[in-house]
């Protein structure tokens, strides 16, 4: 089975800005490094499932809704 790379940068950046959070604040809330968050927002890194859930919680969004937003962005 071929593994597809999923990039969340655009969606993640938009949600963070809508919530008026800095990268530092979102990184702290989600328990990840700010540099890693920057890499995610710039599609230089691919998150694991645990990171997706941590980001969703930190952004106060249902993880399923977060994934749906990412899928919608990918499909255009």
Protein backbone atom coordinates (compact mmCIF):
# COMPACT_ATOMS: atom_id res chain seq x y z
CA UNK A 1 0.00 0.00 0.00
CA UNK A 2 1.33 3.41 -0.96
CA UNK A 3 1.62 5.91 1.88
CA UNK A 4 0.46 9.42 1.07
CA UNK A 5 2.07 12.46 2.59
CA UNK A 6 -0.38 14.85 4.19
CA UNK A 7 0.53 18.48 4.59
CA UNK A 8 -1.48 20.64 6.97
CA UNK A 9 0.37 23.94 6.72
CA UNK A 10 -2.25 26.19 5.16
CA UNK A 11 -5.08 24.95 7.37
CA UNK A 12 -2.96 25.04 10.52
CA UNK A 13 -1.69 28.56 9.83
CA UNK A 14 -5.20 29.86 9.09
CA UNK A 15 -6.69 28.36 12.26
CA UNK A 16 -3.85 29.68 14.41
CA UNK A 17 -4.23 33.20 13.00
CA UNK A 18 -8.03 33.11 13.39
CA UNK A 19 -7.54 32.36 17.07
CA UNK A 20 -4.98 35.16 17.41
CA UNK A 21 -2.30 32.77 18.63
CA UNK A 22 1.42 33.14 18.09
CA UNK A 23 3.44 30.12 17.08
CA UNK A 24 4.97 30.17 20.55
CA UNK A 25 1.55 30.06 22.24
CA UNK A 26 0.19 27.27 20.04
CA UNK A 27 3.40 25.28 20.47
CA UNK A 28 3.14 25.63 24.24
CA UNK A 29 -0.55 24.68 24.30
CA UNK A 30 0.01 21.63 22.11
CA UNK A 31 3.25 20.50 23.74
CA UNK A 32 5.38 20.66 20.61
CA UNK A 33 8.47 22.71 19.77
CA UNK A 34 7.92 26.05 18.05
CA UNK A 35 10.41 25.13 15.31
CA UNK A 36 8.45 21.97 14.58
CA UNK A 37 5.21 23.98 14.42
CA UNK A 38 6.88 26.34 11.96
CA UNK A 39 7.95 23.36 9.85
CA UNK A 40 4.37 22.06 9.89
CA UNK A 41 2.95 25.42 8.82
CA UNK A 42 5.48 25.60 5.99
CA UNK A 43 4.81 22.00 4.90
CA UNK A 44 8.39 21.02 5.68
CA UNK A 45 7.29 18.28 8.05
CA UNK A 46 4.45 15.78 8.32
CA UNK A 47 2.70 15.33 11.67
CA UNK A 48 1.91 12.05 13.33
CA UNK A 49 -1.60 11.32 14.54
CA UNK A 50 -0.74 12.30 18.11
CA UNK A 51 0.43 15.73 16.97
CA UNK A 52 -2.75 16.24 14.91
CA UNK A 53 -4.84 15.49 18.00
CA UNK A 54 -2.69 17.74 20.22
CA UNK A 55 -2.98 20.61 17.74
CA UNK A 56 -6.74 20.14 17.42
CA UNK A 57 -7.12 20.27 21.19
CA UNK A 58 -4.89 23.34 21.46
CA UNK A 59 -6.91 25.05 18.72
CA UNK A 60 -10.15 24.08 20.47
CA UNK A 61 -11.44 22.15 17.48
CA UNK A 62 -12.77 18.62 17.23
CA UNK A 63 -10.01 16.39 15.78
CA UNK A 64 -12.42 14.94 13.21
CA UNK A 65 -13.33 18.45 12.05
CA UNK A 66 -9.64 19.36 11.85
CA UNK A 67 -8.92 16.32 9.68
CA UNK A 68 -11.97 17.09 7.52
CA UNK A 69 -10.69 20.64 6.96
CA UNK A 70 -7.30 19.26 5.93
CA UNK A 71 -8.92 16.76 3.54
CA UNK A 72 -11.10 19.48 2.02
CA UNK A 73 -8.03 21.66 1.45
CA UNK A 74 -6.13 18.78 -0.18
CA UNK A 75 -9.02 17.96 -2.53
CA UNK A 76 -9.46 21.61 -3.41
